[in-house]
Amino acid sequence: AAHELIRPYIHLTPVLTSSYINSLTGAELYFKCENFQKAGAF
């Protein structure tokens, strides 16, 4: 219900990856970028 209510007021934020950081950590990382959200935060 919250998602339907707030959808007009938020961004669907992207998920980014970094092959360099993956190689550094040995994990497959997916960064959910709420830094791109409205007002700059989740």
Full PDB file with SEQRES, HELIX, SHEET, SSBOND, CRYST1, ORIGX, SCALE, CONECT and MASTER records, all heavy atoms in Angstrom:
SEQRES   1 A   42  ALA ALA HIS GLU LEU ILE ARG PRO TYR ILE HIS LEU THR          
SEQRES   2 A   42  PRO VAL LEU THR SER SER TYR ILE ASN SER LEU THR GLY          
SEQRES   3 A   42  ALA GLU LEU TYR PHE LYS CYS GLU ASN PHE GLN LYS ALA          
SEQRES   4 A   42  GLY ALA PHE                                                  
HELIX    1 AA1 ALA A    2  ILE A    6  1                                   5    
HELIX    2 AA2 ARG A    7  TYR A    9  5                                   3    
HELIX    3 AA3 SER A   19  THR A   25  1                                   7    
HELIX    4 AA4 GLU A   34  PHE A   36  5                                   3    
HELIX    5 AA5 LYS A   38  GLY A   40  5                                   3    
SHEET    1 AA1 2 VAL A  15  LEU A  16  0                                        
SHEET    2 AA1 2 PHE A  31  LYS A  32 -1                                        
CRYST1    1.000    1.000    1.000  90.00  90.00  90.00 P 1           1          
ORIGX1      1.000000  0.000000  0.000000        0.00000                         
ORIGX2      0.000000  1.000000  0.000000        0.00000                         
ORIGX3      0.000000  0.000000  1.000000        0.00000                         
SCALE1      1.000000  0.000000  0.000000        0.00000                         
SCALE2      0.000000  1.000000  0.000000        0.00000                         
SCALE3      0.000000  0.000000  1.000000        0.00000                         
ATOM      1  N   ALA A   1       0.836  -1.206   0.000  1.00  0.00           N  
ATOM      2  CA  ALA A   1       0.000   0.000   0.000  1.00  0.00           C  
ATOM      3  C   ALA A   1       0.867   1.251   0.000  1.00  0.00           C  
ATOM      4  O   ALA A   1       0.572   2.236  -0.695  1.00  0.00           O  
ATOM      5  CB  ALA A   1      -0.926  -0.011   1.216  1.00  0.00           C  
ATOM      6  N   ALA A   2       1.951   1.207   0.776  1.00  0.00           N  
ATOM      7  CA  ALA A   2       2.868   2.343   0.824  1.00  0.00           C  
ATOM      8  C   ALA A   2       3.473   2.613  -0.549  1.00  0.00           C  
ATOM      9  O   ALA A   2       3.580   3.771  -0.979  1.00  0.00           O  
ATOM     10  CB  ALA A   2       3.971   2.085   1.844  1.00  0.00           C  
ATOM     11  N   HIS A   3       3.856   1.557  -1.247  1.00  0.00           N  
ATOM     12  CA  HIS A   3       4.494   1.727  -2.555  1.00  0.00           C  
ATOM     13  C   HIS A   3       3.544   2.403  -3.542  1.00  0.00           C  
ATOM     14  O   HIS A   3       3.952   3.281  -4.317  1.00  0.00           O  
ATOM     15  CB  HIS A   3       4.954   0.373  -3.085  1.00  0.00           C  
ATOM     16  CG  HIS A   3       6.234   0.445  -3.860  1.00  0.00           C  
ATOM     17  ND1 HIS A   3       6.884  -0.664  -4.352  1.00  0.00           N  
ATOM     18  CD2 HIS A   3       7.009   1.497  -4.241  1.00  0.00           C  
ATOM     19  CE1 HIS A   3       7.983  -0.297  -4.978  1.00  0.00           C  
ATOM     20  NE2 HIS A   3       8.076   1.011  -4.925  1.00  0.00           N  
ATOM     21  N   GLU A   4       2.284   2.016  -3.510  1.00  0.00           N  
ATOM     22  CA  GLU A   4       1.309   2.648  -4.395  1.00  0.00           C  
ATOM     23  C   GLU A   4       1.102   4.115  -4.029  1.00  0.00           C  
ATOM     24  O   GLU A   4       0.988   4.982  -4.899  1.00  0.00           O  
ATOM     25  CB  GLU A   4      -0.016   1.897  -4.330  1.00  0.00           C  
ATOM     26  CG  GLU A   4       0.006   0.548  -5.031  1.00  0.00           C  
ATOM     27  CD  GLU A   4       0.474   0.663  -6.486  1.00  0.00           C  
ATOM     28  OE1 GLU A   4      -0.108   1.485  -7.241  1.00  0.00           O  
ATOM     29  OE2 GLU A   4       1.423  -0.048  -6.875  1.00  0.00           O  
ATOM     30  N   LEU A   5       1.071   4.403  -2.720  1.00  0.00           N  
ATOM     31  CA  LEU A   5       0.820   5.761  -2.259  1.00  0.00           C  
ATOM     32  C   LEU A   5       1.962   6.703  -2.617  1.00  0.00           C  
ATOM     33  O   LEU A   5       1.746   7.843  -3.059  1.00  0.00           O  
ATOM     34  CB  LEU A   5       0.603   5.760  -0.741  1.00  0.00           C  
ATOM     35  CG  LEU A   5       0.341   7.115  -0.076  1.00  0.00           C  
ATOM     36  CD1 LEU A   5      -0.977   7.709  -0.562  1.00  0.00           C  
ATOM     37  CD2 LEU A   5       0.325   6.963   1.441  1.00  0.00           C  
ATOM     38  N   ILE A   6       3.199   6.244  -2.460  1.00  0.00           N  
ATOM     39  CA  ILE A   6       4.350   7.143  -2.601  1.00  0.00           C  
ATOM     40  C   ILE A   6       4.958   7.146  -3.998  1.00  0.00           C  
ATOM     41  O   ILE A   6       5.824   7.976  -4.298  1.00  0.00           O  
ATOM     42  CB  ILE A   6       5.455   6.809  -1.577  1.00  0.00           C  
ATOM     43  CG1 ILE A   6       6.127   5.456  -1.896  1.00  0.00           C  
ATOM     44  CG2 ILE A   6       4.898   6.832  -0.168  1.00  0.00           C  
ATOM     45  CD1 ILE A   6       7.279   5.110  -0.944  1.00  0.00           C  
ATOM     46  N   ARG A   7       4.500   6.269  -4.858  1.00  0.00           N  
ATOM     47  CA  ARG A   7       5.120   6.143  -6.181  1.00  0.00           C  
ATOM     48  C   ARG A   7       5.247   7.470  -6.934  1.00  0.00           C  
ATOM     49  O   ARG A   7       6.259   7.717  -7.595  1.00  0.00           O  
ATOM     50  CB  ARG A   7       4.343   5.117  -7.023  1.00  0.00           C  
ATOM     51  CG  ARG A   7       5.189   4.457  -8.104  1.00  0.00           C  
ATOM     52  CD  ARG A   7       4.362   3.441  -8.892  1.00  0.00           C  
ATOM     53  NE  ARG A   7       3.897   2.335  -8.085  1.00  0.00           N  
ATOM     54  CZ  ARG A   7       4.605   1.241  -7.821  1.00  0.00           C  
ATOM     55  NH1 ARG A   7       5.828   1.123  -8.311  1.00  0.00           N  
ATOM     56  NH2 ARG A   7       4.090   0.278  -7.087  1.00  0.00           N  
ATOM     57  N   PRO A   8       4.253   8.378  -6.848  1.00  0.00           N  
ATOM     58  CA  PRO A   8       4.404   9.654  -7.581  1.00  0.00           C  
ATOM     59  C   PRO A   8       5.477  10.574  -7.003  1.00  0.00           C  
ATOM     60  O   PRO A   8       5.854  11.550  -7.646  1.00  0.00           O  
ATOM     61  CB  PRO A   8       3.015  10.304  -7.441  1.00  0.00           C  
ATOM     62  CG  PRO A   8       2.090   9.200  -7.074  1.00  0.00           C  
ATOM     63  CD  PRO A   8       2.902   8.247  -6.257  1.00  0.00           C  
ATOM     64  N   TYR A   9       5.958  10.272  -5.795  1.00  0.00           N  
ATOM     65  CA  TYR A   9       6.843  11.198  -5.094  1.00  0.00           C  
ATOM     66  C   TYR A   9       8.258  10.673  -4.924  1.00  0.00           C  
ATOM     67  O   TYR A   9       9.097  11.343  -4.320  1.00  0.00           O  
ATOM     68  CB  TYR A   9       6.252  11.526  -3.722  1.00  0.00           C  
ATOM     69  CG  TYR A   9       4.810  11.930  -3.799  1.00  0.00           C  
ATOM     70  CD1 TYR A   9       3.800  11.059  -3.404  1.00  0.00           C  
ATOM     71  CD2 TYR A   9       4.449  13.177  -4.325  1.00  0.00           C  
ATOM     72  CE1 TYR A   9       2.470  11.413  -3.508  1.00  0.00           C  
ATOM     73  CE2 TYR A   9       3.117  13.533  -4.437  1.00  0.00           C  
ATOM     74  CZ  TYR A   9       2.130  12.649  -4.024  1.00  0.00           C  
ATOM     75  OH  TYR A   9       0.808  13.009  -4.142  1.00  0.00           O  
ATOM     76  N   ILE A  10       8.558   9.484  -5.452  1.00  0.00           N  
ATOM     77  CA  ILE A  10       9.889   8.894  -5.306  1.00  0.00           C  
ATOM     78  C   ILE A  10      10.426   8.460  -6.665  1.00  0.00           C  
ATOM     79  O   ILE A  10       9.677   8.347  -7.642  1.00  0.00           O  
ATOM     80  CB  ILE A  10       9.877   7.670  -4.360  1.00  0.00           C  
ATOM     81  CG1 ILE A  10       9.037   6.525  -4.962  1.00  0.00           C  
ATOM     82  CG2 ILE A  10       9.378   8.047  -2.975  1.00  0.00           C  
ATOM     83  CD1 ILE A  10       9.187   5.194  -4.232  1.00  0.00           C  
ATOM     84  N   HIS A  11      11.722   8.213  -6.703  1.00  0.00           N  
ATOM     85  CA  HIS A  11      12.351   7.597  -7.868  1.00  0.00           C  
ATOM     86  C   HIS A  11      12.435   6.085  -7.675  1.00  0.00           C  
ATOM     87  O   HIS A  11      12.629   5.613  -6.548  1.00  0.00           O  
ATOM     88  CB  HIS A  11      13.788   8.096  -8.055  1.00  0.00           C  
ATOM     89  CG  HIS A  11      13.907   9.518  -8.490  1.00  0.00           C  
ATOM     90  ND1 HIS A  11      13.190  10.050  -9.544  1.00  0.00           N  
ATOM     91  CD2 HIS A  11      14.695  10.527  -8.018  1.00  0.00           C  
ATOM     92  CE1 HIS A  11      13.518  11.320  -9.702  1.00  0.00           C  
ATOM     93  NE2 HIS A  11      14.424  11.630  -8.796  1.00  0.00           N  
ATOM     94  N   LEU A  12      12.297   5.348  -8.761  1.00  0.00           N  
ATOM     95  CA  LEU A  12      12.737   3.959  -8.787  1.00  0.00           C  
ATOM     96  C   LEU A  12      14.244   4.022  -9.001  1.00  0.00           C  
ATOM     97  O   LEU A  12      14.718   4.241 -10.112  1.00  0.00           O  
ATOM     98  CB  LEU A  12      12.057   3.189  -9.921  1.00  0.00           C  
ATOM     99  CG  LEU A  12      12.590   1.775 -10.209  1.00  0.00           C  
ATOM    100  CD1 LEU A  12      12.461   0.873  -8.992  1.00  0.00           C  
ATOM    101  CD2 LEU A  12      11.863   1.166 -11.409  1.00  0.00           C  
ATOM    102  N   THR A  13      14.994   3.877  -7.923  1.00  0.00           N  
ATOM    103  CA  THR A  13      16.436   4.109  -7.998  1.00  0.00           C  
ATOM    104  C   THR A  13      17.149   2.940  -8.687  1.00  0.00           C  
ATOM    105  O   THR A  13      16.727   1.791  -8.578  1.00  0.00           O  
ATOM    106  CB  THR A  13      17.028   4.333  -6.603  1.00  0.00           C  
ATOM    107  OG1 THR A  13      16.642   3.261  -5.737  1.00  0.00           O  
ATOM    108  CG2 THR A  13      16.540   5.650  -6.024  1.00  0.00           C  
ATOM    109  N   PRO A  14      18.244   3.237  -9.375  1.00  0.00           N  
ATOM    110  CA  PRO A  14      18.949   2.197 -10.129  1.00  0.00           C  
ATOM    111  C   PRO A  14      19.778   1.291  -9.232  1.00  0.00           C  
ATOM    112  O   PRO A  14      20.101   1.626  -8.087  1.00  0.00           O  
ATOM    113  CB  PRO A  14      19.852   3.001 -11.065  1.00  0.00           C  
ATOM    114  CG  PRO A  14      20.137   4.254 -10.303  1.00  0.00           C  
ATOM    115  CD  PRO A  14      18.863   4.571  -9.559  1.00  0.00           C  
ATOM    116  N   VAL A  15      20.159   0.151  -9.776  1.00  0.00           N  
ATOM    117  CA  VAL A  15      21.118  -0.757  -9.165  1.00  0.00           C  
ATOM    118  C   VAL A  15      22.364  -0.754 -10.045  1.00  0.00           C  
ATOM    119  O   VAL A  15      22.288  -1.052 -11.241  1.00  0.00           O  
ATOM    120  CB  VAL A  15      20.552  -2.180  -9.035  1.00  0.00           C  
ATOM    121  CG1 VAL A  15      21.625  -3.137  -8.508  1.00  0.00           C  
ATOM    122  CG2 VAL A  15      19.328  -2.191  -8.116  1.00  0.00           C  
ATOM    123  N   LEU A  16      23.509  -0.398  -9.464  1.00  0.00           N  
ATOM    124  CA  LEU A  16      24.759  -0.321 -10.206  1.00  0.00           C  
ATOM    125  C   LEU A  16      25.728  -1.404  -9.743  1.00  0.00           C  
ATOM    126  O   LEU A  16      25.600  -1.945  -8.642  1.00  0.00           O  
ATOM    127  CB  LEU A  16      25.410   1.050 -10.028  1.00  0.00           C  
ATOM    128  CG  LEU A  16      24.588   2.270 -10.460  1.00  0.00           C  
ATOM    129  CD1 LEU A  16      25.404   3.541 -10.270  1.00  0.00           C  
ATOM    130  CD2 LEU A  16      24.114   2.138 -11.900  1.00  0.00           C  
ATOM    131  N   THR A  17      26.698  -1.714 -10.598  1.00  0.00           N  
ATOM    132  CA  THR A  17      27.724  -2.703 -10.272  1.00  0.00           C  
ATOM    133  C   THR A  17      29.103  -2.139 -10.593  1.00  0.00           C  
ATOM    134  O   THR A  17      29.235  -1.153 -11.322  1.00  0.00           O  
ATOM    135  CB  THR A  17      27.526  -4.002 -11.069  1.00  0.00           C  
ATOM    136  OG1 THR A  17      27.610  -3.702 -12.473  1.00  0.00           O  
ATOM    137  CG2 THR A  17      26.178  -4.642 -10.770  1.00  0.00           C  
ATOM    138  N   SER A  18      30.127  -2.788 -10.041  1.00  0.00           N  
ATOM    139  CA  SER A  18      31.510  -2.405 -10.322  1.00  0.00           C  
ATOM    140  C   SER A  18      32.355  -3.664 -10.412  1.00  0.00           C  
ATOM    141  O   SER A  18      32.518  -4.379  -9.419  1.00  0.00           O  
ATOM    142  CB  SER A  18      32.060  -1.499  -9.222  1.00  0.00           C  
ATOM    143  OG  SER A  18      33.459  -1.374  -9.328  1.00  0.00           O  
ATOM    144  N   SER A  19      32.883  -3.949 -11.589  1.00  0.00           N  
ATOM    145  CA  SER A  19      33.719  -5.139 -11.748  1.00  0.00           C  
ATOM    146  C   SER A  19      34.985  -5.021 -10.908  1.00  0.00           C  
ATOM    147  O   SER A  19      35.470  -6.027 -10.371  1.00  0.00           O  
ATOM    148  CB  SER A  19      34.063  -5.360 -13.227  1.00  0.00           C  
ATOM    149  OG  SER A  19      34.725  -4.214 -13.762  1.00  0.00           O  
ATOM    150  N   TYR A  20      35.501  -3.806 -10.761  1.00  0.00           N  
ATOM    151  CA  TYR A  20      36.697  -3.621  -9.941  1.00  0.00           C  
ATOM    152  C   TYR A  20      36.411  -3.965  -8.473  1.00  0.00           C  
ATOM    153  O   TYR A  20      37.184  -4.687  -7.832  1.00  0.00           O  
ATOM    154  CB  TYR A  20      37.210  -2.184 -10.033  1.00  0.00           C  
ATOM    155  CG  TYR A  20      38.364  -1.926  -9.096  1.00  0.00           C  
ATOM    156  CD1 TYR A  20      39.665  -2.277  -9.451  1.00  0.00           C  
ATOM    157  CD2 TYR A  20      38.156  -1.353  -7.835  1.00  0.00           C  
ATOM    158  CE1 TYR A  20      40.729  -2.071  -8.589  1.00  0.00           C  
ATOM    159  CE2 TYR A  20      39.214  -1.145  -6.962  1.00  0.00           C  
ATOM    160  CZ  TYR A  20      40.493  -1.505  -7.341  1.00  0.00           C  
ATOM    161  OH  TYR A  20      41.537  -1.310  -6.477  1.00  0.00           O  
ATOM    162  N   ILE A  21      35.313  -3.448  -7.938  1.00  0.00           N  
ATOM    163  CA  ILE A  21      34.996  -3.717  -6.531  1.00  0.00           C  
ATOM    164  C   ILE A  21      34.632  -5.183  -6.334  1.00  0.00           C  
ATOM    165  O   ILE A  21      34.949  -5.785  -5.304  1.00  0.00           O  
ATOM    166  CB  ILE A  21      33.894  -2.768  -6.033  1.00  0.00           C  
ATOM    167  CG1 ILE A  21      34.393  -1.317  -6.112  1.00  0.00           C  
ATOM    168  CG2 ILE A  21      33.487  -3.105  -4.596  1.00  0.00           C  
ATOM    169  CD1 ILE A  21      33.382  -0.270  -5.705  1.00  0.00           C  
ATOM    170  N   ASN A  22      34.021  -5.790  -7.325  1.00  0.00           N  
ATOM    171  CA  ASN A  22      33.768  -7.235  -7.243  1.00  0.00           C  
ATOM    172  C   ASN A  22      35.078  -8.015  -7.121  1.00  0.00           C  
ATOM    173  O   ASN A  22      35.212  -8.924  -6.300  1.00  0.00           O  
ATOM    174  CB  ASN A  22      33.009  -7.711  -8.482  1.00  0.00           C  
ATOM    175  CG  ASN A  22      31.533  -7.343  -8.452  1.00  0.00           C  
ATOM    176  OD1 ASN A  22      31.035  -6.828  -7.454  1.00  0.00           O  
ATOM    177  ND2 ASN A  22      30.844  -7.603  -9.552  1.00  0.00           N  
ATOM    178  N   SER A  23      36.057  -7.649  -7.939  1.00  0.00           N  
ATOM    179  CA  SER A  23      37.340  -8.358  -7.897  1.00  0.00           C  
ATOM    180  C   SER A  23      38.064  -8.097  -6.577  1.00  0.00           C  
ATOM    181  O   SER A  23      38.747  -8.974  -6.040  1.00  0.00           O  
ATOM    182  CB  SER A  23      38.223  -7.949  -9.079  1.00  0.00           C  
ATOM    183  OG  SER A  23      38.590  -6.584  -8.997  1.00  0.00           O  
ATOM    184  N   LEU A  24      37.894  -6.908  -6.034  1.00  0.00           N  
ATOM    185  CA  LEU A  24      38.522  -6.554  -4.767  1.00  0.00           C  
ATOM    186  C   LEU A  24      37.944  -7.354  -3.607  1.00  0.00           C  
ATOM    187  O   LEU A  24      38.668  -7.804  -2.715  1.00  0.00           O  
ATOM    188  CB  LEU A  24      38.344  -5.053  -4.510  1.00  0.00           C  
ATOM    189  CG  LEU A  24      38.897  -4.508  -3.194  1.00  0.00           C  
ATOM    190  CD1 LEU A  24      40.417  -4.500  -3.219  1.00  0.00           C  
ATOM    191  CD2 LEU A  24      38.358  -3.103  -2.946  1.00  0.00           C  
ATOM    192  N   THR A  25      36.634  -7.561  -3.617  1.00  0.00           N  
ATOM    193  CA  THR A  25      35.957  -8.196  -2.490  1.00  0.00           C  
ATOM    194  C   THR A  25      35.739  -9.697  -2.658  1.00  0.00           C  
ATOM    195  O   THR A  25      35.488 -10.403  -1.682  1.00  0.00           O  
ATOM    196  CB  THR A  25      34.580  -7.544  -2.258  1.00  0.00           C  
ATOM    197  OG1 THR A  25      33.769  -7.711  -3.445  1.00  0.00           O  
ATOM    198  CG2 THR A  25      34.720  -6.060  -1.959  1.00  0.00           C  
ATOM    199  N   GLY A  26      35.815 -10.185  -3.893  1.00  0.00           N  
ATOM    200  CA  GLY A  26      35.516 -11.592  -4.138  1.00  0.00           C  
ATOM    201  C   GLY A  26      34.045 -11.913  -4.080  1.00  0.00           C  
ATOM    202  O   GLY A  26      33.644 -13.087  -3.989  1.00  0.00           O  
ATOM    203  N   ALA A  27      33.204 -10.873  -4.134  1.00  0.00           N  
ATOM    204  CA  ALA A  27      31.747 -11.054  -4.104  1.00  0.00           C  
ATOM    205  C   ALA A  27      31.130 -10.371  -5.324  1.00  0.00           C  
ATOM    206  O   ALA A  27      31.763  -9.529  -5.981  1.00  0.00           O  
ATOM    207  CB  ALA A  27      31.167 -10.469  -2.817  1.00  0.00           C  
ATOM    208  N   GLU A  28      29.900 -10.737  -5.611  1.00  0.00           N  
ATOM    209  CA  GLU A  28      29.151 -10.130  -6.714  1.00  0.00           C  
ATOM    210  C   GLU A  28      28.198  -9.110  -6.096  1.00  0.00           C  
ATOM    211  O   GLU A  28      27.196  -9.482  -5.483  1.00  0.00           O  
ATOM    212  CB  GLU A  28      28.378 -11.222  -7.473  1.00  0.00           C  
ATOM    213  CG  GLU A  28      27.745 -10.784  -8.766  1.00  0.00           C  
ATOM    214  CD  GLU A  28      27.068 -11.947  -9.489  1.00  0.00           C  
ATOM    215  OE1 GLU A  28      27.425 -13.116  -9.223  1.00  0.00           O  
ATOM    216  OE2 GLU A  28      26.169 -11.673 -10.312  1.00  0.00           O  
ATOM    217  N   LEU A  29      28.541  -7.840  -6.232  1.00  0.00           N  
ATOM    218  CA  LEU A  29      27.856  -6.789  -5.484  1.00  0.00           C  
ATOM    219  C   LEU A  29      26.906  -5.980  -6.374  1.00  0.00           C  
ATOM    220  O   LEU A  29      27.237  -5.630  -7.511  1.00  0.00           O  
ATOM    221  CB  LEU A  29      28.886  -5.842  -4.856  1.00  0.00           C  
ATOM    222  CG  LEU A  29      29.950  -6.495  -3.970  1.00  0.00           C  
ATOM    223  CD1 LEU A  29      30.870  -5.427  -3.378  1.00  0.00           C  
ATOM    224  CD2 LEU A  29      29.316  -7.340  -2.865  1.00  0.00           C  
ATOM    225  N   TYR A  30      25.744  -5.671  -5.790  1.00  0.00           N  
ATOM    226  CA  TYR A  30      24.720  -4.888  -6.472  1.00  0.00           C  
ATOM    227  C   TYR A  30      24.340  -3.712  -5.575  1.00  0.00           C  
ATOM    228  O   TYR A  30      23.772  -3.906  -4.500  1.00  0.00           O  
ATOM    229  CB  TYR A  30      23.501  -5.757  -6.790  1.00  0.00           C  
ATOM    230  CG  TYR A  30      23.825  -6.857  -7.773  1.00  0.00           C  
ATOM    231  CD1 TYR A  30      24.349  -8.077  -7.335  1.00  0.00           C  
ATOM    232  CD2 TYR A  30      23.648  -6.666  -9.142  1.00  0.00           C  
ATOM    233  CE1 TYR A  30      24.682  -9.077  -8.239  1.00  0.00           C  
ATOM    234  CE2 TYR A  30      23.977  -7.662 -10.050  1.00  0.00           C  
ATOM    235  CZ  TYR A  30      24.489  -8.868  -9.586  1.00  0.00           C  
ATOM    236  OH  TYR A  30      24.820  -9.852 -10.486  1.00  0.00           O  
ATOM    237  N   PHE A  31      24.662  -2.501  -6.020  1.00  0.00           N  
ATOM    238  CA  PHE A  31      24.493  -1.294  -5.212  1.00  0.00           C  
ATOM    239  C   PHE A  31      23.145  -0.637  -5.526  1.00  0.00           C  
ATOM    240  O   PHE A  31      22.946  -0.107  -6.619  1.00  0.00           O  
ATOM    241  CB  PHE A  31      25.620  -0.301  -5.494  1.00  0.00           C  
ATOM    242  CG  PHE A  31      26.988  -0.776  -5.103  1.00  0.00           C  
ATOM    243  CD1 PHE A  31      27.715  -1.633  -5.943  1.00  0.00           C  
ATOM    244  CD2 PHE A  31      27.563  -0.381  -3.901  1.00  0.00           C  
ATOM    245  CE1 PHE A  31      28.992  -2.071  -5.601  1.00  0.00           C  
ATOM    246  CE2 PHE A  31      28.839  -0.817  -3.551  1.00  0.00           C  
ATOM    247  CZ  PHE A  31      29.553  -1.662  -4.387  1.00  0.00           C  
ATOM    248  N   LYS A  32      22.231  -0.683  -4.571  1.00  0.00           N  
ATOM    249  CA  LYS A  32      20.934  -0.019  -4.712  1.00  0.00           C  
ATOM    250  C   LYS A  32      21.116   1.449  -4.334  1.00  0.00           C  
ATOM    251  O   LYS A  32      21.350   1.790  -3.178  1.00  0.00           O  
ATOM    252  CB  LYS A  32      19.907  -0.696  -3.805  1.00  0.00           C  
ATOM    253  CG  LYS A  32      18.517  -0.041  -3.786  1.00  0.00           C  
ATOM    254  CD  LYS A  32      17.794  -0.117  -5.114  1.00  0.00           C  
ATOM    255  CE  LYS A  32      16.317   0.283  -4.928  1.00  0.00           C  
ATOM    256  NZ  LYS A  32      15.668   0.565  -6.235  1.00  0.00           N  
ATOM    257  N   CYS A  33      21.011   2.336  -5.326  1.00  0.00           N  
ATOM    258  CA  CYS A  33      21.507   3.703  -5.202  1.00  0.00           C  
ATOM    259  C   CYS A  33      20.434   4.689  -4.718  1.00  0.00           C  
ATOM    260  O   CYS A  33      19.899   5.494  -5.493  1.00  0.00           O  
ATOM    261  CB  CYS A  33      22.096   4.158  -6.527  1.00  0.00           C  
ATOM    262  SG  CYS A  33      23.600   3.264  -6.963  1.00  0.00           S  
ATOM    263  N   GLU A  34      20.177   4.651  -3.425  1.00  0.00           N  
ATOM    264  CA  GLU A  34      19.244   5.619  -2.842  1.00  0.00           C  
ATOM    265  C   GLU A  34      19.862   7.005  -2.717  1.00  0.00           C  
ATOM    266  O   GLU A  34      19.164   7.965  -2.372  1.00  0.00           O  
ATOM    267  CB  GLU A  34      18.767   5.115  -1.481  1.00  0.00           C  
ATOM    268  CG  GLU A  34      17.824   3.934  -1.562  1.00  0.00           C  
ATOM    269  CD  GLU A  34      16.501   4.291  -2.222  1.00  0.00           C  
ATOM    270  OE1 GLU A  34      15.674   4.975  -1.585  1.00  0.00           O  
ATOM    271  OE2 GLU A  34      16.293   3.888  -3.391  1.00  0.00           O  
ATOM    272  N   ASN A  35      21.143   7.128  -3.005  1.00  0.00           N  
ATOM    273  CA  ASN A  35      21.746   8.458  -3.123  1.00  0.00           C  
ATOM    274  C   ASN A  35      21.165   9.221  -4.309  1.00  0.00           C  
ATOM    275  O   ASN A  35      21.272  10.446  -4.373  1.00  0.00           O  
ATOM    276  CB  ASN A  35      23.266   8.362  -3.254  1.00  0.00           C  
ATOM    277  CG  ASN A  35      23.708   7.445  -4.378  1.00  0.00           C  
ATOM    278  OD1 ASN A  35      23.216   6.316  -4.493  1.00  0.00           O  
ATOM    279  ND2 ASN A  35      24.646   7.885  -5.197  1.00  0.00           N  
ATOM    280  N   PHE A  36      20.505   8.512  -5.244  1.00  0.00           N  
ATOM    281  CA  PHE A  36      19.820   9.149  -6.367  1.00  0.00           C  
ATOM    282  C   PHE A  36      18.336   9.386  -6.074  1.00  0.00           C  
ATOM    283  O   PHE A  36      17.587   9.803  -6.958  1.00  0.00           O  
ATOM    284  CB  PHE A  36      19.937   8.281  -7.629  1.00  0.00           C  
ATOM    285  CG  PHE A  36      21.340   8.156  -8.162  1.00  0.00           C  
ATOM    286  CD1 PHE A  36      21.747   6.996  -8.802  1.00  0.00           C  
ATOM    287  CD2 PHE A  36      22.249   9.192  -8.042  1.00  0.00           C  
ATOM    288  CE1 PHE A  36      23.031   6.864  -9.307  1.00  0.00           C  
ATOM    289  CE2 PHE A  36      23.536   9.074  -8.549  1.00  0.00           C  
ATOM    290  CZ  PHE A  36      23.936   7.909  -9.184  1.00  0.00           C  
ATOM    291  N   GLN A  37      17.918   9.094  -4.865  1.00  0.00           N  
ATOM    292  CA  GLN A  37      16.513   9.239  -4.500  1.00  0.00           C  
ATOM    293  C   GLN A  37      16.127  10.711  -4.392  1.00  0.00           C  
ATOM    294  O   GLN A  37      16.987  11.587  -4.236  1.00  0.00           O  
ATOM    295  CB  GLN A  37      16.255   8.527  -3.163  1.00  0.00           C  
ATOM    296  CG  GLN A  37      14.803   8.430  -2.726  1.00  0.00           C  
ATOM    297  CD  GLN A  37      13.914   7.843  -3.795  1.00  0.00           C  
ATOM    298  OE1 GLN A  37      13.296   8.586  -4.570  1.00  0.00           O  
ATOM    299  NE2 GLN A  37      13.847   6.512  -3.870  1.00  0.00           N  
ATOM    300  N   LYS A  38      14.842  11.013  -4.482  1.00  0.00           N  
ATOM    301  CA  LYS A  38      14.365  12.360  -4.186  1.00  0.00           C  
ATOM    302  C   LYS A  38      14.919  12.789  -2.829  1.00  0.00           C  
ATOM    303  O   LYS A  38      14.988  11.981  -1.896  1.00  0.00           O  
ATOM    304  CB  LYS A  38      12.838  12.383  -4.135  1.00  0.00           C  
ATOM    305  CG  LYS A  38      12.140  12.055  -5.432  1.00  0.00           C  
ATOM    306  CD  LYS A  38      12.118  13.231  -6.394  1.00  0.00           C  
ATOM    307  CE  LYS A  38      11.199  12.955  -7.579  1.00  0.00           C  
ATOM    308  NZ  LYS A  38      11.127  14.106  -8.495  1.00  0.00           N  
ATOM    309  N   ALA A  39      15.302  14.029  -2.712  1.00  0.00           N  
ATOM    310  CA  ALA A  39      15.893  14.584  -1.490  1.00  0.00           C  
ATOM    311  C   ALA A  39      17.222  13.933  -1.136  1.00  0.00           C  
ATOM    312  O   ALA A  39      17.784  14.197  -0.083  1.00  0.00           O  
ATOM    313  CB  ALA A  39      14.928  14.497  -0.303  1.00  0.00           C  
ATOM    314  N   GLY A  40      17.733  13.066  -2.003  1.00  0.00           N  
ATOM    315  CA  GLY A  40      19.065  12.511  -1.835  1.00  0.00           C  
ATOM    316  C   GLY A  40      19.194  11.408  -0.809  1.00  0.00           C  
ATOM    317  O   GLY A  40      20.319  11.078  -0.400  1.00  0.00           O  
ATOM    318  N   ALA A  41      18.081  10.786  -0.402  1.00  0.00           N  
ATOM    319  CA  ALA A  41      18.179   9.747   0.626  1.00  0.00           C  
ATOM    320  C   ALA A  41      16.941   8.862   0.637  1.00  0.00           C  
ATOM    321  O   ALA A  41      15.835   9.300   0.306  1.00  0.00           O  
ATOM    322  CB  ALA A  41      18.371  10.361   2.009  1.00  0.00           C  
ATOM    323  N   PHE A  42      17.136   7.615   1.077  1.00  0.00           N  
ATOM    324  CA  PHE A  42      16.042   6.644   1.158  1.00  0.00           C  
ATOM    325  C   PHE A  42      14.904   7.121   2.048  1.00  0.00           C  
ATOM    326  O   PHE A  42      13.757   6.694   1.896  1.00  0.00           O  
ATOM    327  CB  PHE A  42      16.565   5.303   1.696  1.00  0.00           C  
ATOM    328  CG  PHE A  42      16.782   5.269   3.192  1.00  0.00           C  
ATOM    329  CD1 PHE A  42      15.793   4.784   4.036  1.00  0.00           C  
ATOM    330  CD2 PHE A  42      17.964   5.714   3.757  1.00  0.00           C  
ATOM    331  CE1 PHE A  42      15.981   4.755   5.415  1.00  0.00           C  
ATOM    332  CE2 PHE A  42      18.168   5.690   5.117  1.00  0.00           C  
ATOM    333  CZ  PHE A  42      17.167   5.201   5.963  1.00  0.00           C  
TER     334      PHE A  42                                                      
MASTER        0    0    0    5    2    0    0    6  333    1    0    4          
END                                                                             
